[in-house]
Protein backbone atom coordinates (compact mmCIF):
# COMPACT_ATOMS: atom_id res chain seq x y z
CA UNK A 1 124.58 104.08 54.22
CA UNK A 2 127.36 107.12 55.24
CA UNK A 3 125.07 109.37 53.29
CA UNK A 4 121.81 108.43 55.04
CA UNK A 5 123.63 108.82 58.25
CA UNK A 6 124.79 111.99 57.31
CA UNK A 7 121.76 113.36 56.30
CA UNK A 8 119.96 111.55 59.52
CA UNK A 9 122.96 113.89 61.25
CA UNK A 10 121.84 117.16 59.77
CA UNK A 11 117.73 116.50 60.71
CA UNK A 12 119.27 115.74 64.13
CA UNK A 13 121.33 118.89 64.59
CA UNK A 14 118.37 121.05 63.48
CA UNK A 15 115.77 119.33 65.97
CA UNK A 16 118.05 119.93 68.77
CA UNK A 17 118.64 123.32 67.47
CA UNK A 18 115.17 124.05 67.35
CA UNK A 19 114.32 122.43 70.78
CA UNK A 20 116.99 124.52 72.38
CA UNK A 21 115.03 127.68 70.75
CA UNK A 22 111.47 126.36 72.73
CA UNK A 23 113.41 126.21 75.71
CA UNK A 24 114.57 129.94 75.41
CA UNK A 25 111.09 130.71 74.25
CA UNK A 26 109.73 129.10 76.88
CA UNK A 27 111.46 131.13 79.89
CA UNK A 28 110.33 134.75 79.38
CA UNK A 29 106.14 135.14 79.66
CA UNK A 30 106.90 138.69 79.50
CA UNK A 31 106.74 138.94 75.90
CA UNK A 32 103.85 136.96 75.20
CA UNK A 33 100.26 138.38 75.24
CA UNK A 34 98.75 137.83 78.65
CA UNK A 35 94.69 137.56 78.83
CA UNK A 36 94.90 137.71 82.69
CA UNK A 37 97.13 136.33 85.98
CA UNK A 38 95.74 134.89 88.61
CA UNK A 39 97.68 135.14 92.14
CA UNK A 40 97.56 132.43 94.33
CA UNK A 41 99.60 132.10 97.95
CA UNK A 42 99.48 129.11 100.17
CA UNK A 43 97.48 130.74 102.44
CA UNK A 44 94.93 131.85 99.68
CA UNK A 45 91.29 131.97 100.02
CA UNK A 46 87.98 132.82 98.14
CA UNK A 47 88.21 133.74 94.51
CA UNK A 48 89.08 137.39 93.87
CA UNK A 49 92.70 135.42 93.04
CA UNK A 50 94.40 138.93 92.81
CA UNK A 51 97.90 140.02 93.82
CA UNK A 52 96.27 141.76 96.92
CA UNK A 53 93.55 138.97 97.72
CA UNK A 54 95.30 135.64 96.47
CA UNK A 55 93.15 132.70 96.37
CA UNK A 56 94.14 128.69 96.93
CA UNK A 57 95.65 127.07 93.75
CA UNK A 58 92.62 125.22 93.27
CA UNK A 59 90.40 128.00 93.42
CA UNK A 60 92.91 129.63 90.20
CA UNK A 61 92.24 126.68 88.43
CA UNK A 62 88.63 126.55 88.99
CA UNK A 63 88.92 130.36 87.56
CA UNK A 64 91.11 129.68 84.84
CA UNK A 65 88.52 127.23 83.44
CA UNK A 66 85.94 129.74 83.14
CA UNK A 67 88.22 131.86 81.08
CA UNK A 68 89.89 129.02 78.23
CA UNK A 69 86.79 128.73 76.23
CA UNK A 70 87.74 132.57 74.81
CA UNK A 71 91.50 133.16 75.27
CA UNK A 72 92.70 136.61 73.52
CA UNK A 73 96.38 135.70 75.83
CA UNK A 74 97.94 133.66 77.67
CA UNK A 75 96.48 132.65 81.45
CA UNK A 76 99.07 132.96 84.12
CA UNK A 77 98.45 131.38 87.43
CA UNK A 78 101.01 133.10 89.92
CA UNK A 79 102.29 131.06 92.73
CA UNK A 80 103.82 132.99 95.92
CA UNK A 81 106.39 131.78 97.16
CA UNK A 82 105.91 128.77 99.91
CA UNK A 83 105.07 125.44 101.03
CA UNK A 84 101.52 124.36 99.40
CA UNK A 85 100.78 121.02 101.56
CA UNK A 86 98.01 119.55 99.19
CA UNK A 87 94.94 117.79 100.88
CA UNK A 88 94.45 115.71 97.62
CA UNK A 89 96.54 116.05 93.99
CA UNK A 90 96.31 118.73 92.23
CA UNK A 91 94.53 117.74 89.30
CA UNK A 92 94.05 118.95 85.87
CA UNK A 93 91.34 116.93 83.84
CA UNK A 94 88.84 119.11 82.52
CA UNK A 95 89.11 120.14 78.67
CA UNK A 96 88.89 123.39 80.00
CA UNK A 97 92.42 123.01 81.93
CA UNK A 98 93.98 123.26 78.36
CA UNK A 99 95.12 126.60 76.67
CA UNK A 100 93.93 127.50 72.82
CA UNK A 101 96.85 127.30 70.84
CA UNK A 102 98.74 129.62 70.46
CA UNK A 103 97.30 130.78 73.81
CA UNK A 104 98.57 128.97 76.86
CA UNK A 105 97.80 128.17 80.56
CA UNK A 106 100.85 129.14 82.46
CA UNK A 107 101.36 127.62 86.07
CA UNK A 108 104.44 129.45 87.46
CA UNK A 109 106.35 130.44 90.83
CA UNK A 110 106.70 133.92 91.50
CA UNK A 111 109.97 133.35 92.34
CA UNK A 112 111.48 130.51 90.21
CA UNK A 113 111.76 127.71 92.63
CA UNK A 114 110.06 129.74 95.58
CA UNK A 115 106.80 127.60 95.28
CA UNK A 116 106.37 123.95 96.52
CA UNK A 117 103.99 121.50 95.86
CA UNK A 118 104.36 119.83 99.10
CA UNK A 119 102.68 116.45 99.73
CA UNK A 120 104.23 116.07 103.27
CA UNK A 121 102.69 116.23 107.00
CA UNK A 122 104.91 117.95 108.96
CA UNK A 123 105.77 116.21 112.14
CA UNK A 124 105.89 118.06 115.18
CA UNK A 125 105.99 117.74 119.36
CA UNK A 126 109.25 115.71 119.48
CA UNK A 127 110.13 113.85 122.87
CA UNK A 128 112.59 111.59 123.98
CA UNK A 129 111.72 108.13 124.26
CA UNK A 130 113.24 106.47 127.40
CA UNK A 131 115.21 103.63 127.35
CA UNK A 132 116.08 104.17 123.89
CA UNK A 133 119.40 106.76 123.94
CA UNK A 134 119.69 109.12 121.41
CA UNK A 135 115.80 108.61 120.03
CA UNK A 136 112.83 110.98 119.89
CA UNK A 137 109.40 109.94 119.00
CA UNK A 138 106.46 112.09 117.86
CA UNK A 139 102.74 111.62 117.68
CA UNK A 140 101.80 110.68 113.94
CA UNK A 141 98.45 108.65 114.08
CA UNK A 142 97.11 108.13 111.10
CA UNK A 143 100.74 108.27 109.23
CA UNK A 144 101.58 106.06 106.14
CA UNK A 145 104.42 106.58 104.48
CA UNK A 146 107.09 105.17 103.28
CA UNK A 147 109.84 108.19 103.44
CA UNK A 148 110.77 110.71 106.18
CA UNK A 149 112.63 114.04 105.64
CA UNK A 150 114.45 115.98 108.46
CA UNK A 151 115.58 119.73 107.53
CA UNK A 152 115.59 118.08 103.33
CA UNK A 153 117.64 115.20 104.61
CA UNK A 154 116.08 111.85 103.50
CA UNK A 155 116.18 109.17 106.53
CA UNK A 156 116.97 105.85 106.29
CA UNK A 157 114.43 103.13 107.56
CA UNK A 158 115.54 101.49 111.05
CA UNK A 159 117.81 98.53 109.39
CA UNK A 160 120.41 96.26 109.74
CA UNK A 161 124.03 96.35 109.01
CA UNK A 162 124.53 94.93 105.12
CA UNK A 163 124.56 91.01 105.27
CA UNK A 164 126.35 88.36 103.69
CA UNK A 165 125.03 86.00 101.21
CA UNK A 166 125.48 83.46 104.31
CA UNK A 167 123.52 85.00 106.35
CA UNK A 168 119.81 83.83 104.86
CA UNK A 169 119.48 80.88 103.67
CA UNK A 170 116.23 80.73 101.13
CA UNK A 171 113.30 78.27 101.71
CA UNK A 172 110.04 77.00 99.70
CA UNK A 173 107.98 80.30 101.78
CA UNK A 174 111.21 82.37 102.90
CA UNK A 175 114.18 82.37 104.76
CA UNK A 176 115.93 80.87 107.78
CA UNK A 177 118.89 80.88 109.83
CA UNK A 178 118.29 83.35 111.77
CA UNK A 179 121.41 84.80 113.81
CA UNK A 180 122.20 87.46 115.93
CA UNK A 181 120.57 90.21 115.92
CA UNK A 182 117.49 88.39 114.36
CA UNK A 183 117.71 85.34 116.84
CA UNK A 184 114.06 87.43 118.61
CA UNK A 185 112.90 88.35 115.52
CA UNK A 186 109.70 86.45 116.45
CA UNK A 187 108.91 88.67 120.08
CA UNK A 188 109.51 92.12 117.68
CA UNK A 189 106.91 94.54 117.68
CA UNK A 190 104.36 94.56 114.32
CA UNK A 191 106.27 91.75 112.72
CA UNK A 192 103.86 92.21 109.63
CA UNK A 193 105.90 95.25 108.88
CA UNK A 194 109.47 93.84 109.02
CA UNK A 195 110.55 94.13 105.38
CA UNK A 196 113.74 92.76 103.64
CA UNK A 197 115.40 93.35 100.29
CA UNK A 198 117.94 92.28 98.25
CA UNK A 199 118.87 92.20 94.83
CA UNK A 200 119.89 90.19 92.20
CA UNK A 201 122.11 91.84 89.22
CA UNK A 202 119.76 94.72 87.54
CA UNK A 203 116.84 93.37 89.78
CA UNK A 204 115.75 94.65 93.26
CA UNK A 205 113.16 92.83 95.62
CA UNK A 206 111.39 93.81 98.59
CA UNK A 207 109.25 91.86 100.58
CA UNK A 208 107.49 91.56 104.55
CA UNK A 209 106.87 89.16 106.87
CA UNK A 210 104.25 86.97 106.53
CA UNK A 211 105.15 85.07 110.40
CA UNK A 212 108.09 84.14 112.22
CA UNK A 213 108.53 80.43 113.00
CA UNK A 214 111.92 79.45 115.48
CA UNK A 215 114.52 80.43 112.95
CA UNK A 216 112.32 80.70 110.10
CA UNK A 217 110.62 83.58 108.59
CA UNK A 218 107.29 83.13 106.03
CA UNK A 219 106.82 86.14 103.28
CA UNK A 220 103.96 87.77 102.32
CA UNK A 221 102.51 86.41 99.03
CA UNK A 222 102.41 87.20 96.33
CA UNK A 223 105.41 88.60 96.86
CA UNK A 224 107.33 85.95 97.67
CA UNK A 225 106.16 83.84 95.06
CA UNK A 226 106.68 86.55 92.38
CA UNK A 227 110.62 86.91 93.60
CA UNK A 228 111.08 83.25 94.54
CA UNK A 229 112.55 82.04 91.58
CA UNK A 230 115.04 85.01 90.86
CA UNK A 231 115.85 86.12 94.52
CA UNK A 232 118.44 84.71 96.18
CA UNK A 233 120.03 86.46 98.80
CA UNK A 234 119.00 89.29 101.49
CA UNK A 235 120.99 92.65 101.55
CA UNK A 236 119.30 94.28 104.29
CA UNK A 237 116.58 93.56 107.24
CA UNK A 238 114.63 97.54 107.97
CA UNK A 239 111.46 98.78 109.39
CA UNK A 240 111.78 97.39 112.60
CA UNK A 241 112.02 99.26 115.82
CA UNK A 242 114.02 96.83 117.09
CA UNK A 243 117.06 97.79 114.34
CA UNK A 244 116.53 101.84 115.25
CA UNK A 245 119.83 102.19 116.78
CA UNK A 246 122.30 104.89 114.26
CA UNK A 247 121.70 108.01 113.75
CA UNK A 248 119.13 109.24 110.58
CA UNK A 249 117.22 106.42 111.14
CA UNK A 250 113.26 106.25 111.78
CA UNK A 251 110.55 103.92 112.31
CA UNK A 252 106.81 104.58 111.67
CA UNK A 253 104.75 102.56 113.99
CA UNK A 254 101.30 102.64 112.60
CA UNK A 255 99.57 100.41 115.09
CA UNK A 256 100.94 102.87 118.35
CA UNK A 257 100.47 105.90 116.46
CA UNK A 258 104.20 107.24 116.99
CA UNK A 259 107.52 108.41 114.45
CA UNK A 260 110.41 107.70 115.80
CA UNK A 261 113.75 108.82 115.04
CA UNK A 262 117.39 109.37 115.69
CA UNK A 263 118.46 112.49 114.85
CA UNK A 264 121.83 113.12 113.24
CA UNK A 265 124.05 115.05 114.37
CA UNK A 266 123.42 119.49 114.50
CA UNK A 267 119.68 118.51 113.89
CA UNK A 268 117.50 120.06 116.40
CA UNK A 269 114.11 118.82 116.32
CA UNK A 270 112.81 121.36 118.32
CA UNK A 271 113.31 123.65 115.09
CA UNK A 272 113.92 121.04 112.55
CA UNK A 273 111.33 120.92 109.58
CA UNK A 274 110.14 117.15 109.77
CA UNK A 275 108.13 116.41 106.72
CA UNK A 276 106.65 112.77 106.59
CA UNK A 277 105.36 112.33 102.70
CA UNK A 278 101.51 111.39 102.47
CA UNK A 279 100.17 112.01 98.94
CA UNK A 280 101.17 109.57 96.57
CA UNK A 281 100.69 111.93 93.43
CA UNK A 282 101.41 115.65 93.76
CA UNK A 283 100.30 116.98 90.11
CA UNK A 284 98.01 114.69 87.96
CA UNK A 285 97.75 115.61 84.26
CA UNK A 286 95.06 113.42 82.71
CA UNK A 287 93.39 114.25 79.36
CA UNK A 288 91.47 111.43 77.47
CA UNK A 289 92.51 109.58 74.37
CA UNK A 290 89.46 111.36 72.51
CA UNK A 291 90.18 114.99 74.54
CA UNK A 292 93.72 115.63 75.15
CA UNK A 293 94.66 118.02 77.30
CA UNK A 294 97.32 120.58 75.50
CA UNK A 295 98.78 124.10 75.87
CA UNK A 296 99.91 123.99 79.48
CA UNK A 297 103.42 124.94 80.57
CA UNK A 298 104.30 124.74 84.49
CA UNK A 299 107.68 126.85 85.55
CA UNK A 300 109.60 127.11 88.31
CA UNK A 301 108.02 125.23 90.23
CA UNK A 302 109.24 122.86 92.96
CA UNK A 303 107.24 119.36 92.78
CA UNK A 304 108.55 117.70 96.31
CA UNK A 305 107.69 115.36 99.46
CA UNK A 306 105.95 112.33 97.77
CA UNK A 307 105.35 108.60 98.72
CA UNK A 308 104.64 105.68 97.07
CA UNK A 309 102.58 102.97 99.61
CA UNK A 310 102.77 99.65 96.62
CA UNK A 311 105.24 97.90 98.12
CA UNK A 312 104.34 97.81 101.84
CA UNK A 313 101.49 96.01 100.59
CA UNK A 314 101.15 91.97 99.89
CA UNK A 315 102.66 92.52 96.21
CA UNK A 316 106.03 94.05 97.96
CA UNK A 317 108.57 95.50 94.88
CA UNK A 318 109.44 92.42 92.11
CA UNK A 319 110.95 94.21 89.86
CA UNK A 320 112.01 92.80 86.30
CA UNK A 321 114.51 95.61 85.31
CA UNK A 322 114.28 99.49 85.54
CA UNK A 323 111.68 99.40 87.72
CA UNK A 324 108.84 97.56 85.68
CA UNK A 325 107.84 95.04 88.54
CA UNK A 326 105.08 92.56 88.95
CA UNK A 327 101.86 93.11 90.86
CA UNK A 328 99.55 90.31 92.13
CA UNK A 329 99.60 86.55 91.82
CA UNK A 330 99.15 86.73 87.68
CA UNK A 331 102.55 88.99 87.82
CA UNK A 332 101.12 91.49 85.57
CA UNK A 333 104.25 93.90 85.04
CA UNK A 334 103.40 97.58 85.67
CA UNK A 335 106.04 100.66 85.91
CA UNK A 336 106.31 102.25 89.20
CA UNK A 337 103.80 105.56 89.19
CA UNK A 338 104.97 108.57 89.02
CA UNK A 339 104.73 111.32 91.45
CA UNK A 340 103.95 113.91 88.94
CA UNK A 341 101.90 112.13 86.09
CA UNK A 342 100.83 112.91 82.37
CA UNK A 343 98.64 110.87 80.47
CA UNK A 344 96.75 111.39 77.08
CA UNK A 345 98.25 115.02 76.83
CA UNK A 346 100.00 117.12 74.33
CA UNK A 347 102.35 120.39 73.63
CA UNK A 348 102.84 120.36 77.74
CA UNK A 349 106.22 122.13 79.07
CA UNK A 350 107.75 121.78 82.12
CA UNK A 351 110.63 124.45 82.46
CA UNK A 352 113.00 125.41 85.30
CA UNK A 353 111.09 122.96 87.70
CA UNK A 354 112.59 121.07 90.52
CA UNK A 355 111.49 117.25 91.20
CA UNK A 356 113.03 116.22 94.95
CA UNK A 357 112.34 113.82 98.03
CA UNK A 358 110.20 111.57 95.94
CA UNK A 359 109.32 107.97 96.60
CA UNK A 360 107.97 107.09 93.62
CA UNK A 361 109.20 107.87 89.98
CA UNK A 362 109.41 111.35 89.90
CA UNK A 363 108.03 112.51 86.56
CA UNK A 364 106.13 109.72 84.95
CA UNK A 365 104.76 110.50 81.03
CA UNK A 366 102.49 108.08 79.99
CA UNK A 367 99.71 107.07 77.62
CA UNK A 368 99.52 109.19 74.92
CA UNK A 369 101.99 111.64 75.90
CA UNK A 370 103.16 113.64 72.41
CA UNK A 371 104.71 117.06 72.06
CA UNK A 372 106.31 117.29 75.62
CA UNK A 373 109.16 119.31 76.66
CA UNK A 374 111.03 119.32 80.11
CA UNK A 375 113.73 122.06 79.93
CA UNK A 376 116.27 123.65 82.70
CA UNK A 377 114.78 120.94 85.61
CA UNK A 378 116.46 119.21 88.26
CA UNK A 379 115.44 115.86 89.45
CA UNK A 380 117.14 114.61 92.67
CA UNK A 381 116.45 112.23 95.37
CA UNK A 382 113.75 110.47 94.04
CA UNK A 383 113.01 106.53 95.46
CA UNK A 384 112.32 104.84 91.84
CA UNK A 385 113.01 106.41 88.07
CA UNK A 386 113.73 109.97 87.35
CA UNK A 387 112.00 110.80 84.77
CA UNK A 388 109.82 107.89 83.05
CA UNK A 389 108.26 107.77 79.62
CA UNK A 390 105.99 105.89 77.92
CA UNK A 391 104.12 102.56 78.99
CA UNK A 392 103.81 98.93 78.38
CA UNK A 393 101.94 98.56 75.45
CA UNK A 394 104.36 98.06 72.54
CA UNK A 395 101.41 98.09 69.60
CA UNK A 396 99.25 100.70 70.92
CA UNK A 397 96.80 102.89 68.12
CA UNK A 398 99.14 105.56 66.78
CA UNK A 399 97.11 108.22 68.74
CA UNK A 400 98.37 106.78 71.75
CA UNK A 401 102.00 106.32 71.22
CA UNK A 402 104.57 108.12 72.94
CA UNK A 403 105.84 110.87 70.78
CA UNK A 404 107.88 114.06 70.29
CA UNK A 405 109.02 114.24 73.86
CA UNK A 406 112.32 116.23 74.34
CA UNK A 407 114.32 116.15 77.66
CA UNK A 408 116.89 118.96 77.70
CA UNK A 409 119.19 120.75 79.86
CA UNK A 410 118.30 118.95 82.96
CA UNK A 411 120.14 117.65 86.04
CA UNK A 412 118.91 113.89 86.71
CA UNK A 413 120.80 112.85 90.00
CA UNK A 414 120.11 110.11 93.05
CA UNK A 415 117.42 108.56 91.66
CA UNK A 416 116.19 104.84 92.44
CA UNK A 417 117.11 105.55 96.36
CA UNK A 418 115.13 102.59 97.14
CA UNK A 419 113.98 100.93 93.76
CA UNK A 420 117.63 100.33 93.07
CA UNK A 421 117.00 98.86 89.19
CA UNK A 422 115.79 102.53 87.97
CA UNK A 423 117.53 104.70 85.26
CA UNK A 424 117.93 108.32 85.56
CA UNK A 425 115.68 108.65 82.18
CA UNK A 426 114.21 105.49 81.17
CA UNK A 427 111.81 105.73 78.15
CA UNK A 428 110.19 102.25 77.32
CA UNK A 429 108.51 102.70 73.88
CA UNK A 430 108.68 106.03 71.89
CA UNK A 431 109.72 107.43 68.78
CA UNK A 432 110.93 110.92 68.00
CA UNK A 433 112.71 111.12 71.42
CA UNK A 434 115.24 114.07 71.87
CA UNK A 435 117.43 113.31 75.21
CA UNK A 436 120.08 115.94 75.11
CA UNK A 437 122.15 118.42 77.15
CA UNK A 438 121.64 116.67 80.08
CA UNK A 439 123.53 115.67 83.18
CA UNK A 440 122.58 112.36 84.33
CA UNK A 441 124.70 111.20 87.61
CA UNK A 442 125.00 109.33 90.86
CA UNK A 443 122.79 106.22 90.28
CA UNK A 444 122.68 102.54 91.17
CA UNK A 445 122.03 101.66 87.23
CA UNK A 446 121.51 103.08 84.21
CA UNK A 447 122.07 106.72 83.35
CA UNK A 448 120.17 106.66 80.30
CA UNK A 449 117.70 103.66 79.08
CA UNK A 450 115.52 104.38 75.76
CA UNK A 451 113.79 100.56 74.84
CA UNK A 452 111.98 97.75 76.73
CA UNK A 453 110.79 94.56 75.60
CA UNK A 454 109.94 93.04 72.09
CA UNK A 455 110.26 95.19 68.93
CA UNK A 456 107.90 98.18 69.19
CA UNK A 457 107.47 101.70 67.16
CA UNK A 458 111.10 102.66 68.29
CA UNK A 459 112.26 105.28 65.72
CA UNK A 460 114.50 108.45 65.22
CA UNK A 461 115.26 108.89 68.68
CA UNK A 462 118.11 111.40 70.04
CA UNK A 463 120.59 110.45 73.03
CA UNK A 464 122.94 113.50 72.08
CA UNK A 465 125.58 116.23 74.44
CA UNK A 466 124.57 114.69 77.81
CA UNK A 467 127.33 113.92 80.52
CA UNK A 468 126.56 110.72 82.29
CA UNK A 469 128.45 109.81 85.32
CA UNK A 470 128.66 107.92 88.34
CA UNK A 471 125.85 105.09 86.84
CA UNK A 472 126.33 101.53 88.21
CA UNK A 473 127.08 102.02 91.59
CA UNK A 474 125.44 99.50 93.07
CA UNK A 475 123.78 97.01 90.66
CA UNK A 476 125.19 94.68 87.45
CA UNK A 477 124.60 94.67 83.74
CA UNK A 478 124.67 98.47 83.82
CA UNK A 479 124.79 100.80 80.67
CA UNK A 480 126.00 104.62 81.03
CA UNK A 481 123.31 104.73 77.97
CA UNK A 482 121.47 101.77 77.42
CA UNK A 483 119.51 100.57 74.42
CA UNK A 484 116.76 97.67 73.74
CA UNK A 485 115.39 96.48 70.26
CA UNK A 486 115.31 98.33 66.55
CA UNK A 487 115.63 101.56 66.98
CA UNK A 488 115.95 103.01 62.94
CA UNK A 489 116.97 106.68 62.42
CA UNK A 490 118.15 106.66 65.96
CA UNK A 491 121.39 108.01 67.36
CA UNK A 492 123.59 108.38 69.71
CA UNK A 493 126.29 111.03 69.65
CA UNK A 494 128.25 113.55 71.26
CA UNK A 495 127.80 112.28 74.69
CA UNK A 496 130.75 112.23 77.89
CA UNK A 497 130.14 108.88 79.43
CA UNK A 498 132.39 108.49 82.59
CA UNK A 499 132.74 106.37 85.83
CA UNK A 500 130.39 103.11 84.98
CA UNK A 501 130.42 100.25 87.44
CA UNK A 502 132.82 99.91 90.16
CA UNK A 503 136.38 99.76 90.07
CA UNK A 504 137.63 96.80 91.50
CA UNK A 505 134.84 94.66 90.90
CA UNK A 506 134.82 91.85 89.07
CA UNK A 507 134.14 92.36 85.02
CA UNK A 508 130.44 92.12 85.40
CA UNK A 509 128.81 94.25 82.69
CA UNK A 510 129.80 98.00 83.48
CA UNK A 511 129.43 98.97 80.08
CA UNK A 512 129.53 102.67 79.00
CA UNK A 513 127.44 102.10 75.78
CA UNK A 514 125.26 99.08 75.62
CA UNK A 515 122.95 98.20 72.98
CA UNK A 516 121.34 95.01 74.34
CA UNK A 517 119.18 92.62 72.74
CA UNK A 518 117.65 92.96 69.55
CA UNK A 519 119.38 96.73 69.34
CA UNK A 520 119.25 97.61 65.42
CA UNK A 521 119.87 100.45 62.88
CA UNK A 522 121.59 102.45 65.35
CA UNK A 523 124.52 105.30 64.61
CA UNK A 524 126.43 105.33 67.43
CA UNK A 525 129.13 107.69 67.05
CA UNK A 526 131.73 111.18 68.51
CA UNK A 527 131.27 109.75 71.92
CA UNK A 528 133.81 110.13 74.60
CA UNK A 529 134.01 107.21 77.08
CA UNK A 530 136.37 108.04 80.59
CA UNK A 531 136.84 104.71 81.80
CA UNK A 532 139.55 101.98 82.18
CA UNK A 533 137.64 99.31 84.23
CA UNK A 534 134.90 98.47 81.96
CA UNK A 535 133.52 97.79 78.35
CA UNK A 536 133.29 100.68 76.64
CA UNK A 537 130.91 99.34 74.33
CA UNK A 538 129.05 95.93 74.42
CA UNK A 539 126.98 95.28 71.63
CA UNK A 540 125.17 92.02 72.94
CA UNK A 541 123.81 89.34 70.87
CA UNK A 542 123.83 88.34 67.55
CA UNK A 543 120.13 89.58 66.77
CA UNK A 544 122.18 93.09 67.41
CA UNK A 545 122.52 93.97 63.53
CA UNK A 546 122.85 96.98 61.62
CA UNK A 547 124.33 99.44 64.09
CA UNK A 548 127.49 101.83 62.87
CA UNK A 549 130.14 102.60 65.71
CA UNK A 550 132.29 105.28 64.56
CA UNK A 551 134.35 108.45 64.90
CA UNK A 552 134.27 107.87 69.31
CA UNK A 553 136.99 108.34 71.95
CA UNK A 554 137.96 106.15 74.53
CA UNK A 555 140.67 105.16 76.54
CA UNK A 556 140.99 101.76 76.40
CA UNK A 557 139.60 99.70 73.28
CA UNK A 558 137.95 96.64 75.27
CA UNK A 559 134.44 95.70 73.76
CA UNK A 560 132.06 92.77 73.78
CA UNK A 561 129.82 91.35 70.65
CA UNK A 562 128.77 88.81 69.00
CA UNK A 563 131.48 87.15 67.12
CA UNK A 564 132.68 83.43 66.17
CA UNK A 565 129.35 82.07 66.54
CA UNK A 566 129.06 82.95 70.36
CA UNK A 567 127.70 85.98 72.45
CA UNK A 568 129.73 88.26 74.55
CA UNK A 569 133.25 88.03 73.14
CA UNK A 570 135.85 90.24 74.65
CA UNK A 571 138.24 92.20 72.55
CA UNK A 572 139.37 95.29 70.66
CA UNK A 573 136.98 96.71 68.50
CA UNK A 574 138.22 95.80 65.29
CA UNK A 575 137.31 92.34 66.01
CA UNK A 576 133.87 92.94 66.01
CA UNK A 577 133.89 94.94 62.54
CA UNK A 578 131.34 93.06 59.92
CA UNK A 579 129.81 90.77 62.48
CA UNK A 580 126.15 90.30 62.11
CA UNK A 581 126.14 93.60 59.85
CA UNK A 582 127.38 95.81 62.61
CA UNK A 583 130.54 98.40 61.64
CA UNK A 584 133.20 99.36 64.11
CA UNK A 585 135.35 102.02 62.51
CA UNK A 586 137.71 104.93 63.21
CA UNK A 587 137.37 104.71 67.06
CA UNK A 588 140.58 106.23 68.87
CA UNK A 589 142.34 105.15 71.75
CA UNK A 590 143.61 108.06 73.61
CA UNK A 591 145.20 106.99 77.43
CA UNK A 592 145.99 110.14 78.69
CA UNK A 593 144.85 113.89 78.40
CA UNK A 594 142.57 114.20 75.20
CA UNK A 595 143.06 115.95 72.07
CA UNK A 596 141.12 119.00 71.21
CA UNK A 597 138.63 116.87 69.05
CA UNK A 598 137.16 114.71 72.18
CA UNK A 599 137.95 117.95 74.51
CA UNK A 600 135.43 119.57 72.68
CA UNK A 601 132.72 116.82 73.11
CA UNK A 602 133.60 116.87 76.89
CA UNK A 603 133.37 120.90 77.06
CA UNK A 604 129.82 120.38 75.20
CA UNK A 605 128.26 117.86 77.11
CA UNK A 606 125.82 118.18 79.69
CA UNK A 607 123.15 120.86 81.09
CA UNK A 608 124.51 124.33 80.77
CA UNK A 609 126.99 123.08 78.08
């Protein structure tokens, strides 16, 4: 077994080195043969697409389509700096959108980070609201959104203070026991838009009100019937005009056609950039199973200001885990959609892009995504999952499998802003996955999660050289790096995991490294875990078998595993060695400072290392 692991590690080193070469090679377009450069600008018009007469983004796409059948070099679409306010999703769905290997169609910002694909609507015309000190409103007829930003800062839906577990009692149809300030809720405006949310361990829930009678709230269905079995307490009441009482809060009155906002200190609404996202998709790359799109690159582009309206409907948001949630009375599990989405595509590159201020998942690499590289990119301020990889079909045809995806040298932070069960990076079913040299931080639940329910085609996945920190800062059953199900040939190595969970909380499954249900056949070695108040490794249940955990460096040797006929037994790692075919050896405790070997692992982990 040791020799097999060594061979596997050598192969992994080659994969990571090769991916780094791809990253470096992907950046300088000047060295590749360029057949044509098409120039676009936010105010572009016509079809010339020249530097002196730039066209629109869609016009450049259509012109590129006419050129791809006879490519002799790359076709570059150069985006001038500015906000490209999208009237519809920018879509690549024609076979003519593909390059012809080795030549690519490249959409790139003329200045990296300067071109912003913006799915929002600018809100202007602010006036103070009589009788509501500090609050302003602006006309917003027809606006439907779940987010609002002022000068790039996310506003909070008007909400209550944090509620204790005794504030509401659960009933068959919703909640009862209305206390101040909710005793008059029945007379509030737009009661059908009032939303309650809460969470249970790793799951979050959001449902809107159907009706109010006395001290009782009936919630909308099927949201409530889907959630009631697991949702036990309310964290906040929000999206109510009557709760608009603190700086940074907003309320969108769809009936009246006005957006209300209480500015933060220093925000001048006469000059501020106030944007409400209205598009659910900014970019859609959609081939077909028989004709996948391919050989397309996106470089230096910012994808920003998108929403997702699903939770505003009667389904609400009833999470089963990792932002997988239930739709309809039939309780169909679905994933939070990506504001940038890819299906049936191969040989795609996202290099130096930014995904931020988004209301769904940031980037979704869905069905039939293969040989895709996400390099040198940032993901920040996202309502759901940062990067979502795969779909919920655990036994697809071979050509529909998610395979050979690499996420490298990227930063993923502040995901799960609204749907708190999110992971920074989440792969459902995947093989040949490489997640390496990323910084993943400031998250309510997991950092990196690979695996979903039921055995599937997972194999040869690599999670290496990542820095994962400040995760599990709200929910429970946390994994800094978290897996599910057998993943033969897969390795977790040279990661630095620090600060998972919350100091001072009772022990509620805050795990730096977490081999969850049925995780088997993994090698976990040469990682550094810097935490004193949680388990550095959890190997959940007796169906986790054939794993090797060795040569890791930790502050405190405190783990959980299945032993002595029981699951989730706490103790030193040596007590788990040999249980259920798992090997735990040579894991080193260093209580203060780090010696040279773990320090070199720390120095080599994360984006830019």
